Protein backbone atom coordinates (compact mmCIF):
# COMPACT_ATOMS: atom_id res chain seq x y z
CA VAL A 1 6.82 20.43 7.60
CA PHE A 2 7.80 17.29 7.10
CA VAL A 3 6.32 13.95 7.59
CA GLU A 4 8.15 10.63 8.57
CA VAL A 5 9.18 8.16 6.17
CA ASP A 6 10.70 4.96 7.60
CA TYR A 7 13.48 6.04 9.07
CA TRP A 8 13.85 9.40 7.63
CA LEU A 9 12.23 12.48 8.03
CA ARG A 10 11.10 14.07 4.59
CA THR A 11 9.82 17.67 3.66
CA GLN A 12 6.03 17.96 2.57
CA TRP A 13 6.39 21.36 1.63
CA VAL A 14 8.16 24.77 2.55
CA PRO A 15 5.65 27.78 3.67
CA LYS A 16 6.47 30.99 2.97
CA ALA A 17 5.11 33.82 4.62
CA GLY A 18 1.35 34.47 4.25
CA GLU A 19 0.73 31.26 3.38
CA THR A 20 -1.77 30.05 6.24
CA GLU A 21 -2.88 26.03 4.33
CA TRP A 22 -0.52 24.07 3.26
CA ARG A 23 -2.21 23.81 -0.43
CA GLN A 24 -1.27 27.24 -0.89
CA SER A 25 1.90 26.44 -0.34
CA VAL A 26 1.90 23.49 -2.53
CA ASP A 27 0.03 24.64 -5.99
CA ARG A 28 3.25 27.49 -5.30
CA GLU A 29 5.66 25.06 -5.89
CA VAL A 30 4.01 22.52 -8.47
CA LEU A 31 3.17 25.96 -10.11
CA ALA A 32 6.92 27.72 -9.93
CA THR A 33 8.69 24.24 -11.08
CA ARG A 34 6.42 23.37 -13.99
CA LYS A 35 7.17 27.38 -14.82
CA SER A 36 10.78 27.34 -14.19
CA VAL A 37 12.87 25.31 -11.79
CA GLY A 38 12.37 23.55 -8.52
CA ILE A 39 14.96 21.10 -6.13
CA CYS A 40 13.79 18.50 -4.15
CA ASP A 41 15.54 16.15 -1.68
CA VAL A 42 15.55 12.97 -3.07
CA THR A 43 18.08 11.23 -0.77
CA THR A 44 15.47 8.71 1.13
CA LEU A 45 15.85 6.79 -1.84
CA GLY A 46 17.69 3.22 -2.22
CA LYS A 47 20.78 3.19 -3.96
CA ILE A 48 22.94 0.25 -4.15
CA ASP A 49 25.90 -0.69 -6.17
CA ILE A 50 26.25 -3.56 -8.19
CA GLN A 51 29.36 -4.55 -9.67
CA GLY A 52 31.10 -8.44 -10.87
CA THR A 53 31.38 -9.55 -14.70
CA ASP A 54 27.78 -11.01 -13.95
CA ALA A 55 26.33 -7.77 -12.99
CA GLY A 56 24.02 -7.40 -16.03
CA ALA A 57 22.75 -11.35 -15.89
CA PHE A 58 22.25 -10.69 -12.37
CA LEU A 59 20.08 -7.66 -13.07
CA ASP A 60 18.18 -9.20 -15.96
CA LYS A 61 17.33 -11.84 -13.41
CA VAL A 62 16.05 -10.10 -10.54
CA TYR A 63 14.80 -7.67 -13.40
CA ALA A 64 11.22 -8.37 -15.31
CA ASN A 65 12.87 -6.27 -18.42
CA THR A 66 16.40 -6.13 -19.17
CA PHE A 67 19.65 -4.44 -18.11
CA SER A 68 22.00 -6.49 -19.69
CA SER A 69 21.93 -4.62 -22.91
CA LEU A 70 21.96 -0.98 -21.28
CA GLY A 71 25.19 0.92 -22.42
CA VAL A 72 27.76 2.76 -20.30
CA GLY A 73 26.90 6.17 -19.70
CA LYS A 74 22.42 4.96 -19.64
CA CYS A 75 19.68 4.61 -17.09
CA ARG A 76 16.39 2.60 -17.28
CA TYR A 77 13.22 2.27 -15.72
CA GLY A 78 13.09 -1.38 -14.17
CA LEU A 79 10.38 -3.58 -12.65
CA MET A 80 11.30 -6.01 -10.26
CA LEU A 81 8.33 -8.76 -9.32
CA ARG A 82 7.82 -11.26 -6.17
CA GLU A 83 7.74 -14.94 -7.67
CA ASP A 84 4.02 -14.71 -7.47
CA GLY A 85 4.17 -12.29 -10.11
CA MET A 86 2.99 -9.07 -8.23
CA VAL A 87 5.20 -6.12 -8.56
CA PHE A 88 7.47 -5.85 -6.06
CA ASP A 89 9.60 -2.21 -6.23
CA ASP A 90 10.44 -0.08 -8.73
CA GLY A 91 13.23 2.66 -9.86
CA THR A 92 15.83 3.12 -12.33
CA THR A 93 19.59 1.55 -12.55
CA ALA A 94 21.98 3.17 -14.47
CA ARG A 95 25.40 1.44 -16.25
CA MET A 96 28.09 3.13 -15.11
CA GLY A 97 31.14 1.27 -16.60
CA GLN A 98 30.97 -2.08 -17.62
CA ASN A 99 30.76 -4.27 -14.70
CA GLU A 100 29.20 -1.68 -12.65
CA TYR A 101 25.73 -0.50 -11.90
CA VAL A 102 23.95 2.05 -9.53
CA MET A 103 20.19 0.87 -8.59
CA THR A 104 17.81 3.01 -6.85
CA THR A 105 14.71 1.71 -5.69
CA THR A 106 11.63 3.44 -3.48
CA THR A 107 12.28 5.20 -0.25
CA ALA A 108 10.19 2.78 1.31
CA ASN A 109 11.90 -0.73 -0.24
CA ALA A 110 15.42 0.12 0.57
CA VAL A 111 15.95 -2.50 2.75
CA THR A 112 13.62 -5.05 1.60
CA VAL A 113 15.51 -4.89 -1.92
CA PHE A 114 19.23 -5.15 -0.67
CA ARG A 115 17.55 -8.04 1.30
CA HIS A 116 16.06 -9.66 -1.65
CA LEU A 117 18.89 -9.19 -4.02
CA GLU A 118 21.44 -10.69 -1.25
CA PHE A 119 19.13 -13.46 -1.32
CA CYS A 120 19.77 -13.81 -4.91
CA ARG A 121 22.87 -13.63 -5.02
CA GLN A 122 24.12 -15.63 -1.74
CA VAL A 123 21.39 -18.39 -2.05
CA LEU A 124 19.85 -18.77 -6.15
CA TRP A 125 22.99 -17.78 -7.83
CA PRO A 126 25.94 -18.45 -5.59
CA ASP A 127 28.54 -18.89 -8.48
CA MET A 128 27.24 -15.30 -10.21
CA ASP A 129 30.43 -13.06 -9.97
CA VAL A 130 28.62 -10.30 -7.99
CA GLN A 131 29.19 -7.63 -5.22
CA LEU A 132 26.87 -5.50 -3.59
CA ILE A 133 26.53 -2.53 -0.99
CA SER A 134 23.91 -0.37 -0.11
CA THR A 135 25.17 3.49 -0.63
CA THR A 136 22.13 4.73 0.65
CA GLU A 137 23.31 7.47 3.18
CA ALA A 138 26.51 7.27 1.69
CA TRP A 139 24.76 10.02 -1.16
CA ALA A 140 23.03 13.24 -0.76
CA GLN A 141 20.79 13.36 -4.02
CA PHE A 142 18.45 16.43 -5.27
CA SER A 143 16.18 16.84 -8.12
CA VAL A 144 16.64 19.06 -10.17
CA ALA A 145 13.37 19.46 -12.23
CA GLY A 146 11.54 22.43 -14.93
CA PRO A 147 12.37 23.91 -18.03
CA ASN A 148 15.46 25.52 -16.72
CA ALA A 149 16.70 22.69 -14.96
CA ARG A 150 19.79 22.41 -17.55
CA LYS A 151 20.75 26.22 -17.23
CA LEU A 152 20.80 26.14 -13.29
CA LEU A 153 22.45 22.92 -13.26
CA GLN A 154 25.04 24.35 -16.12
CA LYS A 155 26.17 26.90 -13.59
CA VAL A 156 27.06 24.10 -10.91
CA VAL A 157 28.83 21.39 -12.87
CA ASP A 158 32.08 21.16 -14.75
CA GLN A 159 31.07 18.97 -17.34
CA ASP A 160 28.90 19.93 -20.63
CA ILE A 161 25.40 18.56 -20.08
CA SER A 162 23.96 20.12 -23.42
CA ASP A 163 21.23 17.69 -25.52
CA ALA A 164 23.77 16.42 -27.29
CA ALA A 165 26.75 15.67 -24.14
CA PHE A 166 24.09 14.07 -21.97
CA PRO A 167 20.43 13.21 -23.47
CA TYR A 168 17.96 11.67 -21.83
CA MET A 169 18.39 8.99 -20.05
CA GLY A 170 22.32 9.59 -19.85
CA ALA A 171 23.91 9.06 -16.49
CA GLY A 172 27.41 9.47 -15.64
CA ASN A 173 30.35 10.24 -13.01
CA ILE A 174 30.64 14.29 -12.73
CA THR A 175 32.54 16.84 -10.86
CA VAL A 176 30.91 20.21 -9.21
CA GLY A 177 33.94 22.34 -8.45
CA GLY A 178 36.14 19.79 -8.52
CA LEU A 179 34.10 17.12 -6.22
CA ARG A 180 33.33 14.00 -7.04
CA ALA A 181 29.60 13.74 -7.97
CA ARG A 182 27.26 11.17 -10.26
CA LEU A 183 24.13 13.38 -12.05
CA PHE A 184 21.23 11.17 -13.81
CA ARG A 185 19.06 12.70 -16.40
CA ILE A 186 15.57 11.11 -15.07
CA SER A 187 12.12 12.57 -14.81
CA PHE A 188 9.69 11.66 -11.87
CA SER A 189 7.75 15.09 -12.79
CA GLY A 190 7.27 14.80 -16.69
CA GLU A 191 9.49 18.08 -16.82
CA LEU A 192 12.86 18.35 -17.81
CA ALA A 193 14.99 16.95 -14.85
CA TYR A 194 17.88 15.61 -13.08
CA GLU A 195 18.88 14.00 -10.74
CA ILE A 196 22.36 15.22 -8.78
CA ALA A 197 24.13 13.46 -6.42
CA VAL A 198 27.10 14.26 -3.89
CA PRO A 199 28.49 12.40 -0.81
CA THR A 200 26.73 12.92 1.87
CA ARG A 201 28.88 15.53 3.64
CA TYR A 202 28.81 18.49 0.92
CA GLY A 203 24.90 17.50 0.61
CA ASP A 204 24.20 20.61 2.72
CA GLY A 205 26.91 23.04 0.96
CA MET A 206 25.48 21.45 -2.42
CA ILE A 207 21.32 22.22 -1.73
CA ARG A 208 22.55 25.44 -1.15
CA LYS A 209 24.93 26.05 -4.20
CA LEU A 210 21.69 25.02 -6.34
CA MET A 211 19.30 27.80 -4.75
CA GLU A 212 22.14 30.18 -5.32
CA ALA A 213 22.46 29.35 -8.94
CA GLY A 214 19.03 29.02 -9.10
CA ALA A 215 17.89 32.62 -7.83
CA GLU A 216 17.60 34.00 -11.46
CA PHE A 217 15.49 31.63 -12.45
CA ASP A 218 13.35 32.07 -9.02
CA ALA A 219 13.77 28.30 -8.35
CA VAL A 220 12.26 26.71 -5.22
CA VAL A 221 12.73 23.68 -2.95
CA TYR A 222 9.22 21.32 -3.43
CA GLY A 223 8.54 19.04 -0.97
CA THR A 224 6.62 15.46 -1.07
CA GLU A 225 3.15 16.68 -1.61
CA ALA A 226 4.32 18.80 -5.18
CA LEU A 227 6.17 15.72 -6.12
CA GLY A 228 2.84 14.17 -5.56
CA VAL A 229 0.90 16.35 -7.36
CA MET A 230 3.10 16.28 -10.50
CA ARG A 231 3.77 12.72 -10.24
CA ILE A 232 0.13 12.26 -10.66
CA GLU A 233 -0.27 14.69 -13.62
CA LYS A 234 2.35 12.86 -15.57
CA GLY A 235 0.41 9.63 -14.49
CA HIS A 236 3.21 7.66 -12.16
CA VAL A 237 2.98 5.45 -10.11
CA ALA A 238 3.66 5.77 -6.95
CA GLY A 239 3.51 3.69 -3.14
CA ASN A 240 -0.52 3.44 -3.53
CA GLU A 241 -0.21 1.91 -6.78
CA LEU A 242 2.77 -0.54 -5.82
CA ASN A 243 0.10 -1.75 -3.23
CA GLY A 244 1.43 -5.57 -3.39
CA THR A 245 -1.77 -6.66 -5.55
CA SER A 246 -0.72 -5.16 -8.62
CA THR A 247 0.71 -6.55 -11.64
CA ALA A 248 2.02 -4.86 -14.22
CA LEU A 249 -0.55 -5.39 -16.68
CA ASN A 250 -2.61 -3.39 -14.08
CA MET A 251 -0.30 -0.74 -13.96
CA GLY A 252 -0.31 -0.47 -18.03
CA LEU A 253 3.87 -1.31 -17.93
CA GLY A 254 2.81 -5.04 -19.12
CA LYS A 255 5.21 -5.32 -22.30
CA MET A 256 8.09 -4.47 -19.74
CA VAL A 257 7.96 -8.21 -18.87
CA SER A 258 10.35 -9.80 -20.89
CA ARG A 259 9.31 -13.10 -22.17
CA LYS A 260 13.00 -13.92 -23.88
CA LYS A 261 14.63 -14.16 -20.87
CA ASP A 262 14.13 -15.82 -17.34
CA SER A 263 13.51 -13.37 -14.54
CA ILE A 264 11.75 -13.82 -10.92
CA GLY A 265 7.91 -13.66 -11.15
CA MET A 266 8.09 -13.82 -15.03
CA LEU A 267 6.09 -17.24 -15.69
CA LEU A 268 3.82 -16.82 -12.76
CA SER A 269 3.08 -13.44 -13.78
CA GLN A 270 1.66 -15.17 -16.94
CA ARG A 271 -1.54 -16.77 -14.51
CA GLU A 272 -4.92 -16.76 -16.89
CA GLY A 273 -6.23 -14.87 -13.60
CA MET A 274 -3.50 -12.23 -14.10
CA THR A 275 -4.08 -11.94 -18.13
CA ARG A 276 -7.50 -10.94 -18.18
CA GLU A 277 -7.96 -8.72 -21.22
CA ASP A 278 -10.65 -6.55 -18.96
CA GLY A 279 -8.81 -6.85 -15.81
CA LEU A 280 -8.07 -4.07 -14.41
CA ARG A 281 -5.86 -1.26 -16.14
CA LEU A 282 -4.36 2.34 -14.10
CA VAL A 283 -6.20 5.30 -15.49
CA GLY A 284 -6.73 9.00 -15.02
CA VAL A 285 -10.07 10.73 -13.43
CA LYS A 286 -11.31 13.80 -12.88
CA PRO A 287 -14.39 15.07 -11.66
CA VAL A 288 -17.67 15.94 -14.05
CA ASN A 289 -17.83 19.02 -11.91
CA PRO A 290 -14.49 21.13 -11.60
CA ALA A 291 -15.86 22.40 -8.27
CA ALA A 292 -16.95 18.41 -6.69
CA GLU A 293 -14.42 16.82 -4.95
CA LEU A 294 -13.21 13.04 -5.67
CA LYS A 295 -11.67 10.86 -2.49
CA ALA A 296 -9.19 8.88 -2.85
CA GLY A 297 -10.55 5.17 -1.98
CA SER A 298 -13.76 5.42 -3.64
CA HIS A 299 -15.01 2.79 -6.24
CA PHE A 300 -15.99 2.91 -9.46
CA LEU A 301 -19.33 2.26 -10.39
CA LYS A 302 -21.36 2.58 -13.75
CA THR A 303 -23.63 4.93 -14.15
CA GLY A 304 -27.21 3.73 -12.32
CA ALA A 305 -25.51 0.48 -10.89
CA VAL A 306 -26.28 -0.07 -7.10
CA ALA A 307 -23.55 -0.11 -4.87
CA LYS A 308 -22.83 -3.47 -4.20
CA ALA A 309 -19.86 -5.53 -4.38
CA GLU A 310 -20.25 -7.55 -7.69
CA ASN A 311 -20.94 -3.76 -9.35
CA ASP A 312 -17.12 -3.10 -8.16
CA ASP A 313 -15.40 -1.88 -11.17
CA GLY A 314 -11.90 -0.39 -9.23
CA TRP A 315 -11.13 2.35 -7.12
CA ILE A 316 -9.24 5.42 -7.24
CA THR A 317 -5.42 5.00 -6.23
CA SER A 318 -4.03 7.97 -5.56
CA LEU A 319 -5.99 11.73 -5.13
CA VAL A 320 -4.16 15.58 -5.55
CA TYR A 321 -5.51 18.91 -6.43
CA SER A 322 -3.67 20.27 -9.86
CA PRO A 323 -3.13 23.94 -9.51
CA HIS A 324 -2.74 23.96 -13.70
CA MET A 325 -6.28 21.93 -13.85
CA GLY A 326 -8.25 23.93 -11.12
CA HIS A 327 -9.58 20.78 -9.82
CA TYR A 328 -8.62 17.65 -8.14
CA ILE A 329 -7.83 14.70 -10.36
CA ALA A 330 -6.87 11.31 -9.53
CA LEU A 331 -5.12 7.86 -10.32
CA GLY A 332 -6.58 4.81 -10.27
CA TYR A 333 -7.36 1.27 -11.09
CA LEU A 334 -10.38 0.74 -13.12
CA LYS A 335 -11.98 -2.60 -14.76
CA ASP A 336 -11.35 -3.11 -18.94
CA GLY A 337 -9.77 0.68 -17.79
CA ALA A 338 -7.66 1.03 -21.81
CA ASN A 339 -11.28 0.39 -23.53
CA ARG A 340 -13.25 3.13 -21.17
CA ILE A 341 -11.40 5.99 -21.79
CA GLY A 342 -13.72 9.37 -21.75
CA GLU A 343 -16.49 6.93 -20.07
CA LYS A 344 -18.15 9.05 -16.76
CA MET A 345 -19.62 6.72 -14.19
């Protein structure tokens, strides 16, 4: 079952015989991935190759956190701010060589981020030695997540990917049956996980090979709905939280905005109204009664408070049913949220 995401069709879930409701499929995919291993097509994520002697310095300017210090063969989670200090996009960038980086963007902002980088390169810092090319459609990429992810991939790749050889947040050029590929040890779901990329023409063969190798581990293909459940269980922000009106501080990621360097949006992100200690903060939410259903977009009110604007304490941004918890769970922005853990409302 597919969903339109910009110019792509993405798998939402993969129903099996006897499953008559979407939740049955999604719950199964989540539980199977957490128990053993699941595979998700993440080809739609934006991919931008950034090269040149000033590539690291350029990334320091466009990202709120530092990338010039990243070691070769490593990747790092990054936040990009708009000029006004609001969060623009997030993603991971890997350093593949001394002067070569591979940036990953969200699916929704793949084109927007590339345009932004080209504007920065051509207009803001034309003297920097930086070259960019979008490679989103050049690579088919798959997330392999779960406790057996390494065992599955070890059957497919030609290199040693043990903990010692390929640690967490590692990245590198590898081969699969002699064919060139890329491997990143990153996780959006909270599990041991990797993302493996091959040239697009081999994408169909790659997913079939992964499923064949994963048969002994009861590997499943999981879609965007299961991905959403697992990222909310992990507490990871996505589109609903990156809504154009949220700051790094709102997301609990304020420490990622480096004050040691200048970057787009850094100064304006420090405005008084955006750095309030009692401002909105990302929190996890669950119903007091497990049988109760929460609703995305619902607003937080102190118990007994009248439902009017001046009593508004925030809202639920993302909501899923967690098959592990056996009830709904959510993420939301709550006023002074960091100091209100455990509060009922």
